[in-house]
Protein backbone atom coordinates (compact mmCIF):
# COMPACT_ATOMS: atom_id res chain seq x y z
CA MET A 1 194.99 150.59 158.89
CA ASP A 2 193.65 148.63 161.49
CA VAL A 3 196.26 145.99 163.50
CA HIS A 4 194.11 143.29 163.28
CA ASP A 5 193.66 144.56 159.31
CA GLY A 6 195.94 141.82 157.07
CA GLY A 7 195.69 143.60 154.03
CA SER A 8 194.42 141.67 150.77
CA LYS A 9 196.42 138.38 151.74
CA ALA A 10 194.18 138.28 155.28
CA PRO A 11 192.45 134.77 155.19
CA HIS A 12 188.66 135.51 155.09
CA GLY A 13 186.35 134.61 157.63
CA PRO A 14 183.77 131.79 157.13
CA GLY A 15 181.02 134.38 156.96
CA GLU A 16 182.46 137.01 155.22
CA PRO A 17 182.23 137.29 150.95
CA GLY A 18 185.08 135.16 148.82
CA ALA A 19 185.59 132.73 151.75
CA ALA A 20 185.73 128.63 150.29
CA PRO A 21 182.52 126.83 151.54
CA ALA A 22 183.63 125.40 155.07
CA GLY A 23 183.81 120.96 154.90
CA PRO A 24 182.24 118.96 157.88
CA GLN A 25 183.06 120.58 160.90
CA GLY A 26 184.26 123.34 159.27
CA SER A 27 187.36 121.60 157.45
CA PRO A 28 187.74 122.91 153.73
CA PRO A 29 186.26 120.30 150.95
CA ASP A 30 188.50 117.50 149.89
CA PRO A 31 189.92 118.20 146.40
CA ALA A 32 188.21 116.30 143.51
CA ASP A 33 189.13 112.78 142.42
CA PRO A 34 190.45 113.74 139.03
CA ARG A 35 189.69 109.45 138.09
CA ASP A 36 186.07 110.47 138.87
CA PRO A 37 184.22 110.68 135.68
CA PRO A 38 182.41 114.30 134.94
CA PRO A 39 178.95 114.51 136.02
CA ASP A 40 177.53 114.72 132.70
CA GLN A 41 179.22 111.93 131.47
CA ALA A 42 177.29 108.38 132.59
CA PRO A 43 180.03 105.62 133.30
CA PRO A 44 180.21 102.89 130.46
CA ARG A 45 178.34 99.75 130.19
CA GLU A 46 179.68 96.85 130.94
CA ALA A 47 180.05 94.26 127.77
CA ARG A 48 177.92 91.60 127.37
CA THR A 49 179.40 88.25 126.92
CA GLY A 50 178.00 84.94 125.72
CA ILE A 51 174.60 84.30 124.22
CA ALA A 52 173.80 88.06 125.32
CA ALA A 53 176.39 89.47 122.83
CA LEU A 54 173.94 87.93 119.90
CA SER A 55 171.83 89.51 118.01
CA LEU A 56 168.01 89.00 118.77
CA ARG A 57 167.77 86.85 115.89
CA TYR A 58 170.62 84.77 116.78
CA GLN A 59 169.63 84.72 120.02
CA ILE A 60 166.06 82.87 119.07
CA ALA A 61 168.26 80.71 116.91
CA VAL A 62 170.30 79.61 119.67
CA ALA A 63 167.65 79.07 122.06
CA VAL A 64 165.62 76.99 119.48
CA THR A 65 168.70 74.52 118.58
CA LEU A 66 169.49 73.85 122.55
CA ALA A 67 165.76 73.23 122.65
CA VAL A 68 165.76 70.43 120.20
CA VAL A 69 169.05 68.94 121.51
CA ALA A 70 167.14 69.02 124.68
CA VAL A 71 164.18 67.24 123.77
CA ALA A 72 166.07 64.35 121.14
CA VAL A 73 168.44 63.91 124.38
CA CYS A 74 165.65 63.00 126.42
CA VAL A 75 163.35 61.01 123.49
CA HIS A 76 167.05 59.06 123.29
CA ILE A 77 167.09 58.11 127.21
CA GLY A 78 163.70 57.28 127.33
CA MET A 79 163.88 55.07 124.55
CA VAL A 80 166.79 52.99 125.63
CA PHE A 81 165.28 52.69 128.83
CA LEU A 82 162.11 51.49 127.46
CA HIS A 83 164.23 49.30 125.69
CA VAL A 84 166.32 47.70 128.85
CA ALA A 85 163.24 47.94 130.86
CA PRO A 86 160.85 44.73 131.69
CA SER A 87 158.21 43.88 129.77
CA ASN A 88 155.40 46.88 130.65
CA THR A 89 152.29 48.34 129.01
CA VAL A 90 154.06 51.11 126.80
CA THR A 91 156.45 48.67 125.64
CA LYS A 92 153.71 46.29 124.75
CA GLN A 93 151.92 49.37 122.79
CA HIS A 94 154.85 50.77 120.96
CA GLY A 95 157.49 48.08 120.86
CA ARG A 96 158.03 48.87 117.26
CA ALA A 97 158.63 52.45 117.60
CA ILE A 98 160.64 51.63 120.18
CA ASP A 99 162.76 48.66 118.31
CA ASP A 100 162.90 51.15 114.91
CA TRP A 101 164.50 53.88 117.25
CA ILE A 102 167.20 51.48 118.70
CA TYR A 103 168.41 48.96 116.15
CA PRO A 104 170.69 48.70 114.67
CA GLU A 105 172.86 51.87 116.01
CA PHE A 106 171.86 51.42 119.88
CA GLU A 107 171.20 48.02 120.41
CA GLN A 108 171.47 46.62 124.06
CA ASN A 109 171.61 42.90 124.58
CA TRP A 110 171.36 43.43 128.33
CA LYS A 111 167.78 43.91 130.48
CA LEU A 112 167.16 46.38 133.59
CA PHE A 113 166.55 44.79 136.61
CA ALA A 114 167.23 41.42 135.36
CA PRO A 115 170.26 40.81 133.69
CA ASN A 116 171.42 37.49 132.24
CA PRO A 117 175.37 37.17 132.14
CA LEU A 118 176.65 34.72 129.90
CA GLN A 119 177.33 31.90 131.43
CA GLN A 120 179.58 30.04 128.47
CA ASN A 121 182.34 30.85 126.39
CA ILE A 122 181.54 30.82 122.48
CA ALA A 123 184.28 30.80 120.21
CA VAL A 124 183.65 30.95 116.75
CA GLN A 125 186.30 29.06 114.82
CA VAL A 126 186.86 29.12 110.15
CA ARG A 127 189.25 27.04 108.40
CA ALA A 128 189.56 26.75 104.47
CA GLN A 129 190.57 24.99 101.85
CA ILE A 130 192.89 26.70 99.36
CA ASP A 131 193.78 26.71 95.61
CA THR A 132 197.08 26.72 95.86
CA ALA A 133 199.41 28.40 93.12
CA ASP A 134 200.99 25.13 91.75
CA GLY A 135 197.74 23.64 90.98
CA GLY A 136 197.41 21.55 94.02
CA VAL A 137 194.85 21.78 96.90
CA ARG A 138 195.21 22.07 100.99
CA THR A 139 193.54 23.22 104.15
CA THR A 140 194.15 25.23 106.38
CA GLY A 141 194.08 24.46 110.63
CA TRP A 142 191.46 26.03 112.45
CA TYR A 143 191.69 29.61 112.58
CA ASP A 144 190.02 31.05 116.38
CA LEU A 145 188.55 34.39 115.27
CA SER A 146 187.20 35.12 118.99
CA ALA A 147 190.72 34.23 120.38
CA GLU A 148 192.28 36.69 117.81
CA ASP A 149 189.41 39.31 118.81
CA GLY A 150 190.17 38.54 122.89
CA ARG A 151 193.97 39.31 122.23
CA ALA A 152 193.40 42.56 120.54
CA ILE A 153 191.23 43.45 123.58
CA ASP A 154 193.32 42.56 126.47
CA GLY A 155 195.24 45.50 127.70
CA ASN A 156 193.58 47.92 125.31
CA LEU A 157 191.73 50.68 127.07
CA LEU A 158 189.60 51.76 124.29
CA PRO A 159 188.76 48.58 122.09
CA SER A 160 186.72 48.91 118.43
CA HIS A 161 183.30 47.80 118.68
CA THR A 162 183.99 45.58 115.69
CA GLN A 163 186.71 43.64 118.10
CA GLN A 164 184.16 43.44 121.04
CA ASN A 165 180.98 42.52 119.04
CA GLU A 166 181.34 42.53 115.64
CA LEU A 167 182.04 38.38 115.15
CA ARG A 168 180.05 37.84 118.33
CA ARG A 169 176.81 39.13 116.88
CA ALA A 170 177.16 37.62 113.55
CA TRP A 171 176.90 34.58 115.20
CA ASP A 172 174.30 34.96 117.58
CA PHE A 173 172.40 36.47 114.13
CA PHE A 174 173.24 33.16 112.41
CA VAL A 175 171.68 30.50 115.25
CA ALA A 176 168.84 32.94 115.56
CA THR A 177 167.75 32.30 112.06
CA HIS A 178 168.85 28.92 111.38
CA ASP A 179 167.78 25.63 113.08
CA SER A 180 169.76 22.70 114.80
CA ASP A 181 170.06 21.30 111.28
CA ASN A 182 172.11 24.54 110.29
CA ARG A 183 168.93 25.30 108.03
CA PRO A 184 167.71 28.95 107.68
CA VAL A 185 164.51 29.64 109.12
CA GLY A 186 162.58 32.65 107.39
CA LEU A 187 163.95 34.88 104.90
CA ARG A 188 166.58 36.13 107.01
CA GLY A 189 168.53 33.27 107.20
CA SER A 190 170.33 33.78 103.79
CA LEU A 191 171.40 37.28 104.87
CA SER A 192 173.08 36.17 108.17
CA GLU A 193 174.73 33.64 106.49
CA THR A 194 176.15 36.12 103.82
CA TYR A 195 177.19 38.79 106.80
CA LEU A 196 178.81 35.54 108.36
CA ARG A 197 180.54 34.40 105.14
CA ARG A 198 181.69 38.43 104.68
CA ILE A 199 183.54 38.76 107.92
CA VAL A 200 185.66 35.07 108.32
CA LEU A 201 186.50 36.20 104.56
CA LEU A 202 187.82 39.31 105.94
CA ARG A 203 189.62 37.46 108.96
CA LEU A 204 191.35 35.24 106.39
CA GLU A 205 192.23 37.83 104.03
CA ARG A 206 194.11 39.82 107.24
CA ASP A 207 195.87 36.49 108.02
CA ASP A 208 197.10 35.77 104.40
CA ALA A 209 195.51 32.00 104.75
CA ALA A 210 195.52 31.42 101.24
CA GLY A 211 199.12 32.48 100.87
CA LYS A 212 201.18 33.91 97.79
CA GLY A 213 199.13 33.08 94.53
CA GLY A 214 196.69 30.85 96.34
CA ALA A 215 192.69 31.54 96.36
CA ILE A 216 189.90 30.63 98.84
CA ASP A 217 187.74 27.69 97.51
CA LEU A 218 185.92 26.75 100.36
CA VAL A 219 185.40 27.62 104.03
CA GLN A 220 183.50 26.00 107.14
CA ILE A 221 182.69 27.52 110.32
CA ARG A 222 182.19 25.74 113.76
CA SER A 223 181.68 27.09 117.06
CA ARG A 224 183.40 25.89 120.42
CA THR A 225 181.29 25.85 123.50
CA THR A 226 182.50 25.49 127.10
CA ASN A 227 180.72 26.20 130.13
CA VAL A 228 181.84 29.26 132.55
CA ARG A 229 183.37 27.37 136.03
CA PRO A 230 181.09 27.89 138.92
CA PRO A 231 182.76 29.59 142.02
CA GLN A 232 184.52 27.66 144.24
CA TRP A 233 181.54 28.54 147.33
CA SER A 234 178.88 26.95 144.73
CA GLN A 235 177.59 23.41 144.73
CA GLU A 236 176.86 23.44 140.77
CA LYS A 237 178.52 21.33 138.95
CA VAL A 238 178.72 21.96 135.21
CA SER A 239 180.42 19.98 132.22
CA ASP A 240 183.87 21.26 131.24
CA GLU A 241 183.54 19.38 127.91
CA PRO A 242 183.71 21.60 124.87
CA VAL A 243 180.42 21.08 122.64
CA TYR A 244 181.09 21.80 118.77
CA ARG A 245 178.94 23.08 115.96
CA VAL A 246 179.96 22.91 112.30
CA LEU A 247 178.06 24.22 109.34
CA PRO A 248 179.05 22.74 106.40
CA TRP A 249 181.08 23.79 103.79
CA TRP A 250 180.38 26.92 101.91
CA SER A 251 181.81 27.37 97.94
CA ILE A 252 183.50 31.12 97.45
CA THR A 253 183.49 31.84 94.08
CA ALA A 254 185.33 34.76 92.60
CA ASP A 255 181.79 36.99 92.30
CA SER A 256 181.33 35.96 96.04
CA ILE A 257 184.77 36.90 97.07
CA GLU A 258 184.60 39.86 95.52
CA ARG A 259 180.99 41.12 96.50
CA ASP A 260 181.83 39.85 100.23
CA VAL A 261 184.81 41.63 101.00
CA LYS A 262 183.90 44.88 99.48
């Protein structure tokens, strides 16, 4: 045996049969990473989320729903803008359609580019004539309903629409449908009286104006209007004396109480 022969355990040369393939620069290849997938197995696809995870039918339904909502939002924003915008060709031609969309749920009482802040404080007050349980008659003092709403709003971060606007809008509705002698003008005059009477009856009921065993026989409503004082730097002079508008006594029957309070 040759002295250079290492027998069967001797390493093979790179060119000899049975030798392992040489790596870069003659180094042996790295062992296979056990985390690598087999060459015949494709990597798993990423799981789909959101709308992409839905079937095609539901994707179409969601897309149609989102499109309808987007169109409705755009139409509503456009209607509100046209309602508060100054008079223009579109509002003159399609004013009826705009009003039908806005009133009564989305009413805005201000105008874009031309704000008209109130310069008067208007308080709505009511008093009642009560038939007492012992057969007598008494007249209550004036209940300042506007002041009650003001106290409910003061310090309230989320005042209700009823506290802010119900009474004020009812009085504006009455004034707009009656003349200076408190006579109804047009068909809406009777409706405004019914609406205003319903509100004051609910307020009197809440304040327990009739007392135990009493019944409301008549109600009378008035407004107290005072001018807002101008700022100190203004030269404007306004009267600080209140102006009253007193309505006649309204008779309250049992039927009207049941109908209006409900």
